[in-house]
Amino acid sequence: MRKKTKNPLAEDWFSRGDADLDVANITLRESQHFALVCFLSQQSAEKYLKGFLTLKNKKFRKTHFLDELVENASRIHKKFSELIPFAKSLDGYYIDTRYPVDWSKTYRRHDAFQALKDANEIIGAIKKAIQRYRSASLG
């Protein structure tokens, strides 16, 4: 369970990210809509990154590219630069999973599992960083 922050807008980003992650997990468990799981995984990580930047009062341009958001967040928390491979992996799910494009791909269960794993890497790192900042401000 995630502890709430004192920033309502950041909290809204995190809450929406949690909802996307919950739906992705339910969808994977109860259906074969693997493309949707991949998309929701990307969305959950995006919302957590935007929540972190909002929490730290850092402006970001309107974007859905996770690698750009990770780069912005790594200016605050250097260790986030290790998340770029996960971000790049999830970036591929923003458009291709939702539209019938010429380069369309068939998504399989292992793609969905990997997308969830990548999203959880990003979200877990953000939660740890928030906890560290919270502990440092108390001590």
C-alpha atoms as a PDB file:
ATOM      1  CA  MET A   1       0.000   0.000   0.000  1.00  0.00           C
ATOM      2  CA  ARG A   2       1.349   3.384  -1.010  1.00  0.00           C
ATOM      3  CA  LYS A   3       1.443   6.192   1.536  1.00  0.00           C
ATOM      4  CA  LYS A   4      -0.290   9.338   0.350  1.00  0.00           C
ATOM      5  CA  THR A   5       1.596  12.549  -0.343  1.00  0.00           C
ATOM      6  CA  LYS A   6       0.612  16.086   0.633  1.00  0.00           C
ATOM      7  CA  ASN A   7       0.454  17.199  -3.005  1.00  0.00           C
ATOM      8  CA  PRO A   8      -3.102  16.683  -4.359  1.00  0.00           C
ATOM      9  CA  LEU A   9      -2.126  16.825  -8.039  1.00  0.00           C
ATOM     10  CA  ALA A  10       0.750  14.376  -7.591  1.00  0.00           C
ATOM     11  CA  GLU A  11      -1.579  12.164  -5.576  1.00  0.00           C
ATOM     12  CA  ASP A  12      -4.088  12.204  -8.452  1.00  0.00           C
ATOM     13  CA  TRP A  13      -1.356  11.086 -10.879  1.00  0.00           C
ATOM     14  CA  PHE A  14      -0.341   8.245  -8.535  1.00  0.00           C
ATOM     15  CA  SER A  15      -3.945   7.188  -7.934  1.00  0.00           C
ATOM     16  CA  ARG A  16      -4.655   7.009 -11.657  1.00  0.00           C
ATOM     17  CA  GLY A  17      -1.428   5.069 -12.183  1.00  0.00           C
ATOM     18  CA  ASP A  18      -2.502   2.604  -9.499  1.00  0.00           C
ATOM     19  CA  ALA A  19      -5.894   2.191 -11.197  1.00  0.00           C
ATOM     20  CA  ASP A  20      -4.252   1.487 -14.583  1.00  0.00           C
ATOM     21  CA  LEU A  21      -1.935  -1.050 -12.986  1.00  0.00           C
ATOM     22  CA  ASP A  22      -4.829  -2.754 -11.183  1.00  0.00           C
ATOM     23  CA  VAL A  23      -6.840  -3.020 -14.410  1.00  0.00           C
ATOM     24  CA  ALA A  24      -3.783  -4.334 -16.281  1.00  0.00           C
ATOM     25  CA  ASN A  25      -3.330  -7.090 -13.688  1.00  0.00           C
ATOM     26  CA  ILE A  26      -7.029  -8.006 -13.730  1.00  0.00           C
ATOM     27  CA  THR A  27      -7.080  -8.001 -17.536  1.00  0.00           C
ATOM     28  CA  LEU A  28      -4.065 -10.286 -17.725  1.00  0.00           C
ATOM     29  CA  ARG A  29      -5.557 -12.671 -15.170  1.00  0.00           C
ATOM     30  CA  GLU A  30      -9.044 -12.802 -16.704  1.00  0.00           C
ATOM     31  CA  SER A  31      -8.636 -12.333 -20.456  1.00  0.00           C
ATOM     32  CA  GLN A  32      -6.358 -12.544 -23.446  1.00  0.00           C
ATOM     33  CA  HIS A  33      -6.384  -8.802 -24.186  1.00  0.00           C
ATOM     34  CA  PHE A  34      -2.608  -8.671 -24.067  1.00  0.00           C
ATOM     35  CA  ALA A  35      -2.274  -5.441 -26.067  1.00  0.00           C
ATOM     36  CA  LEU A  36      -4.488  -3.684 -23.514  1.00  0.00           C
ATOM     37  CA  VAL A  37      -2.300  -4.956 -20.670  1.00  0.00           C
ATOM     38  CA  CYS A  38       0.764  -3.560 -22.455  1.00  0.00           C
ATOM     39  CA  PHE A  39      -0.922  -0.188 -22.998  1.00  0.00           C
ATOM     40  CA  LEU A  40      -2.136   0.073 -19.401  1.00  0.00           C
ATOM     41  CA  SER A  41       1.339  -0.841 -18.161  1.00  0.00           C
ATOM     42  CA  GLN A  42       2.786   2.035 -20.191  1.00  0.00           C
ATOM     43  CA  GLN A  43       0.092   4.356 -18.859  1.00  0.00           C
ATOM     44  CA  SER A  44       0.674   3.406 -15.223  1.00  0.00           C
ATOM     45  CA  ALA A  45       4.408   4.104 -15.497  1.00  0.00           C
ATOM     46  CA  GLU A  46       3.728   7.387 -17.312  1.00  0.00           C
ATOM     47  CA  LYS A  47       1.360   8.562 -14.597  1.00  0.00           C
ATOM     48  CA  TYR A  48       3.797   7.641 -11.837  1.00  0.00           C
ATOM     49  CA  LEU A  49       6.604   9.529 -13.577  1.00  0.00           C
ATOM     50  CA  LYS A  50       4.388  12.584 -14.020  1.00  0.00           C
ATOM     51  CA  GLY A  51       3.305  12.280 -10.402  1.00  0.00           C
ATOM     52  CA  PHE A  52       6.924  12.214  -9.240  1.00  0.00           C
ATOM     53  CA  LEU A  53       7.815  15.274 -11.331  1.00  0.00           C
ATOM     54  CA  THR A  54       4.713  17.065 -10.017  1.00  0.00           C
ATOM     55  CA  LEU A  55       5.580  16.127  -6.445  1.00  0.00           C
ATOM     56  CA  LYS A  56       9.029  17.644  -6.949  1.00  0.00           C
ATOM     57  CA  ASN A  57       7.525  20.800  -8.550  1.00  0.00           C
ATOM     58  CA  LYS A  58       9.251  20.107 -11.870  1.00  0.00           C
ATOM     59  CA  LYS A  59       7.510  21.171 -15.040  1.00  0.00           C
ATOM     60  CA  PHE A  60       7.394  18.766 -17.963  1.00  0.00           C
ATOM     61  CA  ARG A  61       6.093  19.158 -21.467  1.00  0.00           C
ATOM     62  CA  LYS A  62       2.998  17.299 -22.580  1.00  0.00           C
ATOM     63  CA  THR A  63       4.427  13.971 -23.695  1.00  0.00           C
ATOM     64  CA  HIS A  64       3.776  10.266 -23.564  1.00  0.00           C
ATOM     65  CA  PHE A  65       7.428   9.276 -24.058  1.00  0.00           C
ATOM     66  CA  LEU A  66       8.577   7.588 -20.900  1.00  0.00           C
ATOM     67  CA  ASP A  67      12.262   7.843 -21.737  1.00  0.00           C
ATOM     68  CA  GLU A  68      11.911  11.644 -21.792  1.00  0.00           C
ATOM     69  CA  LEU A  69      10.066  11.615 -18.465  1.00  0.00           C
ATOM     70  CA  VAL A  70      12.692   9.313 -16.940  1.00  0.00           C
ATOM     71  CA  GLU A  71      15.454  11.646 -18.133  1.00  0.00           C
ATOM     72  CA  ASN A  72      13.661  14.578 -16.487  1.00  0.00           C
ATOM     73  CA  ALA A  73      13.165  12.609 -13.262  1.00  0.00           C
ATOM     74  CA  SER A  74      16.812  11.467 -13.252  1.00  0.00           C
ATOM     75  CA  ARG A  75      17.852  15.123 -12.953  1.00  0.00           C
ATOM     76  CA  ILE A  76      16.217  14.992  -9.516  1.00  0.00           C
ATOM     77  CA  HIS A  77      17.093  11.433  -8.582  1.00  0.00           C
ATOM     78  CA  LYS A  78      20.200  10.245 -10.478  1.00  0.00           C
ATOM     79  CA  LYS A  79      19.453   6.544  -9.941  1.00  0.00           C
ATOM     80  CA  PHE A  80      16.389   6.872 -12.188  1.00  0.00           C
ATOM     81  CA  SER A  81      18.709   6.869 -15.212  1.00  0.00           C
ATOM     82  CA  GLU A  82      18.827   3.077 -14.671  1.00  0.00           C
ATOM     83  CA  LEU A  83      15.129   2.999 -15.628  1.00  0.00           C
ATOM     84  CA  ILE A  84      15.652   4.155 -19.219  1.00  0.00           C
ATOM     85  CA  PRO A  85      15.671   0.600 -20.695  1.00  0.00           C
ATOM     86  CA  PHE A  86      12.300  -0.123 -19.035  1.00  0.00           C
ATOM     87  CA  ALA A  87      10.928   3.198 -20.274  1.00  0.00           C
ATOM     88  CA  LYS A  88      12.079   2.565 -23.838  1.00  0.00           C
ATOM     89  CA  SER A  89      10.485  -0.878 -23.766  1.00  0.00           C
ATOM     90  CA  LEU A  90       7.150   0.533 -22.574  1.00  0.00           C
ATOM     91  CA  ASP A  91       7.235   3.435 -25.053  1.00  0.00           C
ATOM     92  CA  GLY A  92       6.500   0.977 -27.845  1.00  0.00           C
ATOM     93  CA  TYR A  93       3.086   0.245 -26.371  1.00  0.00           C
ATOM     94  CA  TYR A  94       1.603   3.730 -26.461  1.00  0.00           C
ATOM     95  CA  ILE A  95       0.349   3.747 -30.078  1.00  0.00           C
ATOM     96  CA  ASP A  96       0.767   0.264 -31.534  1.00  0.00           C
ATOM     97  CA  THR A  97      -1.462  -1.385 -28.945  1.00  0.00           C
ATOM     98  CA  ARG A  98      -4.431   0.885 -29.630  1.00  0.00           C
ATOM     99  CA  TYR A  99      -4.637   1.401 -33.375  1.00  0.00           C
ATOM    100  CA  PRO A 100      -4.737  -0.874 -36.434  1.00  0.00           C
ATOM    101  CA  VAL A 101      -1.501   0.365 -37.991  1.00  0.00           C
ATOM    102  CA  ASP A 102       0.463  -1.025 -40.942  1.00  0.00           C
ATOM    103  CA  TRP A 103       3.174  -2.326 -38.653  1.00  0.00           C
ATOM    104  CA  SER A 104       0.663  -3.954 -36.318  1.00  0.00           C
ATOM    105  CA  LYS A 105       1.966  -6.616 -33.981  1.00  0.00           C
ATOM    106  CA  THR A 106       0.252  -9.498 -32.262  1.00  0.00           C
ATOM    107  CA  TYR A 107       0.776  -9.244 -28.533  1.00  0.00           C
ATOM    108  CA  ARG A 108       1.163 -12.400 -26.528  1.00  0.00           C
ATOM    109  CA  ARG A 109       1.010 -13.267 -22.846  1.00  0.00           C
ATOM    110  CA  HIS A 110       4.797 -12.958 -22.437  1.00  0.00           C
ATOM    111  CA  ASP A 111       4.638  -9.399 -23.870  1.00  0.00           C
ATOM    112  CA  ALA A 112       1.994  -8.493 -21.301  1.00  0.00           C
ATOM    113  CA  PHE A 113       4.006 -10.032 -18.443  1.00  0.00           C
ATOM    114  CA  GLN A 114       7.118  -8.143 -19.555  1.00  0.00           C
ATOM    115  CA  ALA A 115       5.212  -4.856 -19.841  1.00  0.00           C
ATOM    116  CA  LEU A 116       3.853  -5.274 -16.318  1.00  0.00           C
ATOM    117  CA  LYS A 117       7.314  -6.145 -15.042  1.00  0.00           C
ATOM    118  CA  ASP A 118       8.818  -3.043 -16.692  1.00  0.00           C
ATOM    119  CA  ALA A 119       6.058  -0.806 -15.307  1.00  0.00           C
ATOM    120  CA  ASN A 120       6.572  -2.254 -11.835  1.00  0.00           C
ATOM    121  CA  GLU A 121      10.322  -1.547 -12.048  1.00  0.00           C
ATOM    122  CA  ILE A 122       9.608   2.125 -12.718  1.00  0.00           C
ATOM    123  CA  ILE A 123       6.804   2.413 -10.175  1.00  0.00           C
ATOM    124  CA  GLY A 124       8.801   0.575  -7.511  1.00  0.00           C
ATOM    125  CA  ALA A 125      11.781   2.888  -7.989  1.00  0.00           C
ATOM    126  CA  ILE A 126       9.528   5.943  -7.679  1.00  0.00           C
ATOM    127  CA  LYS A 127       7.906   4.610  -4.509  1.00  0.00           C
ATOM    128  CA  LYS A 128      11.351   3.936  -2.990  1.00  0.00           C
ATOM    129  CA  ALA A 129      12.565   7.421  -3.896  1.00  0.00           C
ATOM    130  CA  ILE A 130       9.487   9.036  -2.363  1.00  0.00           C
ATOM    131  CA  GLN A 131      10.002   7.007   0.813  1.00  0.00           C
ATOM    132  CA  ARG A 132      13.667   8.065   0.960  1.00  0.00           C
ATOM    133  CA  TYR A 133      12.739  11.739   0.532  1.00  0.00           C
ATOM    134  CA  ARG A 134      10.035  11.377   3.183  1.00  0.00           C
ATOM    135  CA  SER A 135      12.483   9.715   5.626  1.00  0.00           C
ATOM    136  CA  ALA A 136      15.183  12.330   4.948  1.00  0.00           C
ATOM    137  CA  SER A 137      12.766  15.182   5.643  1.00  0.00           C
ATOM    138  CA  LEU A 138      11.759  13.595   8.970  1.00  0.00           C
ATOM    139  CA  GLY A 139      15.280  12.874  10.162  1.00  0.00           C
END
